[in-house]
């Protein structure tokens, strides 16, 4: 029990110090994305690439469900619409929303 108490006390002390440093601005969080994430984000900005990815996803869903369950396809459609909406919102509303 003593080891657990010491560990918890140490973790609490470190957590308080990190929180104080973050609040004071002396500690910065590294939020750089991985190369793979940046490449995927760039590819999804291109219409033909995005269409091909979602066409492949739809094909896999239809193959796995034998076309009997419409819910997974609706989830894919909602994800597409959500992605387009967030893209418009983060661009400041300068882009138009195209469902084609």
C-alpha atoms as a PDB file:
ATOM      1  CA  UNK A   1       0.000   0.000   0.000  1.00  0.00           C
ATOM      2  CA  UNK A   2       2.899   2.370   0.700  1.00  0.00           C
ATOM      3  CA  UNK A   3       4.161   2.022  -2.882  1.00  0.00           C
ATOM      4  CA  UNK A   4       0.691   2.786  -4.263  1.00  0.00           C
ATOM      5  CA  UNK A   5       0.349   5.826  -2.001  1.00  0.00           C
ATOM      6  CA  UNK A   6       3.755   7.130  -3.069  1.00  0.00           C
ATOM      7  CA  UNK A   7       2.943   6.569  -6.725  1.00  0.00           C
ATOM      8  CA  UNK A   8      -0.383   8.366  -6.436  1.00  0.00           C
ATOM      9  CA  UNK A   9       1.202  11.254  -4.577  1.00  0.00           C
ATOM     10  CA  UNK A  10       3.926  11.539  -7.234  1.00  0.00           C
ATOM     11  CA  UNK A  11       1.411  11.418 -10.096  1.00  0.00           C
ATOM     12  CA  UNK A  12      -0.724  14.064  -8.408  1.00  0.00           C
ATOM     13  CA  UNK A  13       2.312  16.309  -7.896  1.00  0.00           C
ATOM     14  CA  UNK A  14       3.347  15.953 -11.551  1.00  0.00           C
ATOM     15  CA  UNK A  15      -0.217  16.559 -12.782  1.00  0.00           C
ATOM     16  CA  UNK A  16      -0.521  19.744 -10.714  1.00  0.00           C
ATOM     17  CA  UNK A  17       2.860  20.994 -11.987  1.00  0.00           C
ATOM     18  CA  UNK A  18       1.978  20.298 -15.625  1.00  0.00           C
ATOM     19  CA  UNK A  19      -1.413  21.984 -15.226  1.00  0.00           C
ATOM     20  CA  UNK A  20       0.229  25.043 -13.630  1.00  0.00           C
ATOM     21  CA  UNK A  21       2.845  25.211 -16.404  1.00  0.00           C
ATOM     22  CA  UNK A  22       0.163  24.959 -19.083  1.00  0.00           C
ATOM     23  CA  UNK A  23      -1.870  27.687 -17.420  1.00  0.00           C
ATOM     24  CA  UNK A  24       1.188  29.930 -17.067  1.00  0.00           C
ATOM     25  CA  UNK A  25       2.195  29.361 -20.678  1.00  0.00           C
ATOM     26  CA  UNK A  26       5.633  27.996 -19.856  1.00  0.00           C
ATOM     27  CA  UNK A  27       4.746  24.572 -21.265  1.00  0.00           C
ATOM     28  CA  UNK A  28       3.562  24.258 -24.852  1.00  0.00           C
ATOM     29  CA  UNK A  29       1.756  21.257 -26.279  1.00  0.00           C
ATOM     30  CA  UNK A  30       3.146  19.776 -29.487  1.00  0.00           C
ATOM     31  CA  UNK A  31       0.117  19.373 -31.738  1.00  0.00           C
ATOM     32  CA  UNK A  32       1.811  18.499 -35.003  1.00  0.00           C
ATOM     33  CA  UNK A  33       0.036  15.793 -36.933  1.00  0.00           C
ATOM     34  CA  UNK A  34       1.751  12.751 -38.329  1.00  0.00           C
ATOM     35  CA  UNK A  35       2.738  12.618 -41.976  1.00  0.00           C
ATOM     36  CA  UNK A  36       0.033  10.035 -42.634  1.00  0.00           C
ATOM     37  CA  UNK A  37      -2.678  12.267 -41.124  1.00  0.00           C
ATOM     38  CA  UNK A  38      -1.524  15.283 -43.124  1.00  0.00           C
ATOM     39  CA  UNK A  39      -1.392  13.236 -46.329  1.00  0.00           C
ATOM     40  CA  UNK A  40      -4.897  11.871 -45.746  1.00  0.00           C
ATOM     41  CA  UNK A  41      -6.259  15.367 -45.063  1.00  0.00           C
ATOM     42  CA  UNK A  42      -4.654  16.632 -48.265  1.00  0.00           C
ATOM     43  CA  UNK A  43      -6.016  13.703 -50.284  1.00  0.00           C
ATOM     44  CA  UNK A  44      -9.533  14.189 -48.918  1.00  0.00           C
ATOM     45  CA  UNK A  45      -9.514  17.781 -50.163  1.00  0.00           C
ATOM     46  CA  UNK A  46      -9.336  16.449 -53.719  1.00  0.00           C
ATOM     47  CA  UNK A  47     -12.789  15.535 -55.004  1.00  0.00           C
ATOM     48  CA  UNK A  48     -11.884  12.472 -57.114  1.00  0.00           C
ATOM     49  CA  UNK A  49      -9.790  10.935 -54.324  1.00  0.00           C
ATOM     50  CA  UNK A  50     -12.543  11.510 -51.760  1.00  0.00           C
ATOM     51  CA  UNK A  51     -15.151  10.034 -54.098  1.00  0.00           C
ATOM     52  CA  UNK A  52     -12.999   6.955 -54.717  1.00  0.00           C
ATOM     53  CA  UNK A  53     -12.457   6.406 -50.979  1.00  0.00           C
ATOM     54  CA  UNK A  54     -16.169   6.609 -50.188  1.00  0.00           C
ATOM     55  CA  UNK A  55     -17.062   4.471 -53.210  1.00  0.00           C
ATOM     56  CA  UNK A  56     -14.669   1.810 -51.891  1.00  0.00           C
ATOM     57  CA  UNK A  57     -16.168   2.120 -48.388  1.00  0.00           C
ATOM     58  CA  UNK A  58     -19.684   1.721 -49.788  1.00  0.00           C
ATOM     59  CA  UNK A  59     -18.599  -1.344 -51.757  1.00  0.00           C
ATOM     60  CA  UNK A  60     -17.090  -2.953 -48.665  1.00  0.00           C
ATOM     61  CA  UNK A  61     -20.211  -2.226 -46.604  1.00  0.00           C
ATOM     62  CA  UNK A  62     -22.447  -3.730 -49.285  1.00  0.00           C
ATOM     63  CA  UNK A  63     -20.197  -6.791 -49.522  1.00  0.00           C
ATOM     64  CA  UNK A  64     -20.092  -7.365 -45.752  1.00  0.00           C
ATOM     65  CA  UNK A  65     -23.824  -6.793 -45.187  1.00  0.00           C
ATOM     66  CA  UNK A  66     -25.009  -8.359 -48.457  1.00  0.00           C
ATOM     67  CA  UNK A  67     -27.000  -5.161 -48.983  1.00  0.00           C
ATOM     68  CA  UNK A  68     -29.426  -6.084 -46.193  1.00  0.00           C
ATOM     69  CA  UNK A  69     -28.558  -3.428 -43.619  1.00  0.00           C
ATOM     70  CA  UNK A  70     -28.984   0.219 -44.682  1.00  0.00           C
ATOM     71  CA  UNK A  71     -27.701   1.711 -41.403  1.00  0.00           C
ATOM     72  CA  UNK A  72     -23.945   1.395 -42.218  1.00  0.00           C
ATOM     73  CA  UNK A  73     -24.501   3.223 -45.508  1.00  0.00           C
ATOM     74  CA  UNK A  74     -26.316   5.993 -43.686  1.00  0.00           C
ATOM     75  CA  UNK A  75     -23.419   6.250 -41.239  1.00  0.00           C
ATOM     76  CA  UNK A  76     -21.058   6.700 -44.202  1.00  0.00           C
ATOM     77  CA  UNK A  77     -23.363   9.364 -45.673  1.00  0.00           C
ATOM     78  CA  UNK A  78     -23.568  11.224 -42.364  1.00  0.00           C
ATOM     79  CA  UNK A  79     -19.775  11.136 -42.041  1.00  0.00           C
ATOM     80  CA  UNK A  80     -19.420  12.576 -45.543  1.00  0.00           C
ATOM     81  CA  UNK A  81     -21.901  15.354 -44.814  1.00  0.00           C
ATOM     82  CA  UNK A  82     -20.306  16.095 -41.426  1.00  0.00           C
ATOM     83  CA  UNK A  83     -16.871  16.315 -43.030  1.00  0.00           C
ATOM     84  CA  UNK A  84     -18.132  18.697 -45.692  1.00  0.00           C
ATOM     85  CA  UNK A  85     -19.932  20.834 -43.119  1.00  0.00           C
ATOM     86  CA  UNK A  86     -16.902  21.121 -40.856  1.00  0.00           C
ATOM     87  CA  UNK A  87     -14.746  21.988 -43.869  1.00  0.00           C
ATOM     88  CA  UNK A  88     -17.089  24.864 -44.711  1.00  0.00           C
ATOM     89  CA  UNK A  89     -17.259  26.024 -41.104  1.00  0.00           C
ATOM     90  CA  UNK A  90     -13.482  25.981 -40.605  1.00  0.00           C
ATOM     91  CA  UNK A  91     -12.903  27.827 -43.865  1.00  0.00           C
ATOM     92  CA  UNK A  92     -14.958  30.726 -42.524  1.00  0.00           C
ATOM     93  CA  UNK A  93     -17.965  29.975 -44.714  1.00  0.00           C
ATOM     94  CA  UNK A  94     -16.133  31.024 -47.892  1.00  0.00           C
ATOM     95  CA  UNK A  95     -16.711  27.676 -49.595  1.00  0.00           C
ATOM     96  CA  UNK A  96     -19.998  26.446 -50.957  1.00  0.00           C
ATOM     97  CA  UNK A  97     -21.433  23.107 -49.865  1.00  0.00           C
ATOM     98  CA  UNK A  98     -21.697  20.778 -52.860  1.00  0.00           C
ATOM     99  CA  UNK A  99     -23.350  17.397 -52.425  1.00  0.00           C
ATOM    100  CA  UNK A 100     -22.241  16.112 -55.826  1.00  0.00           C
END
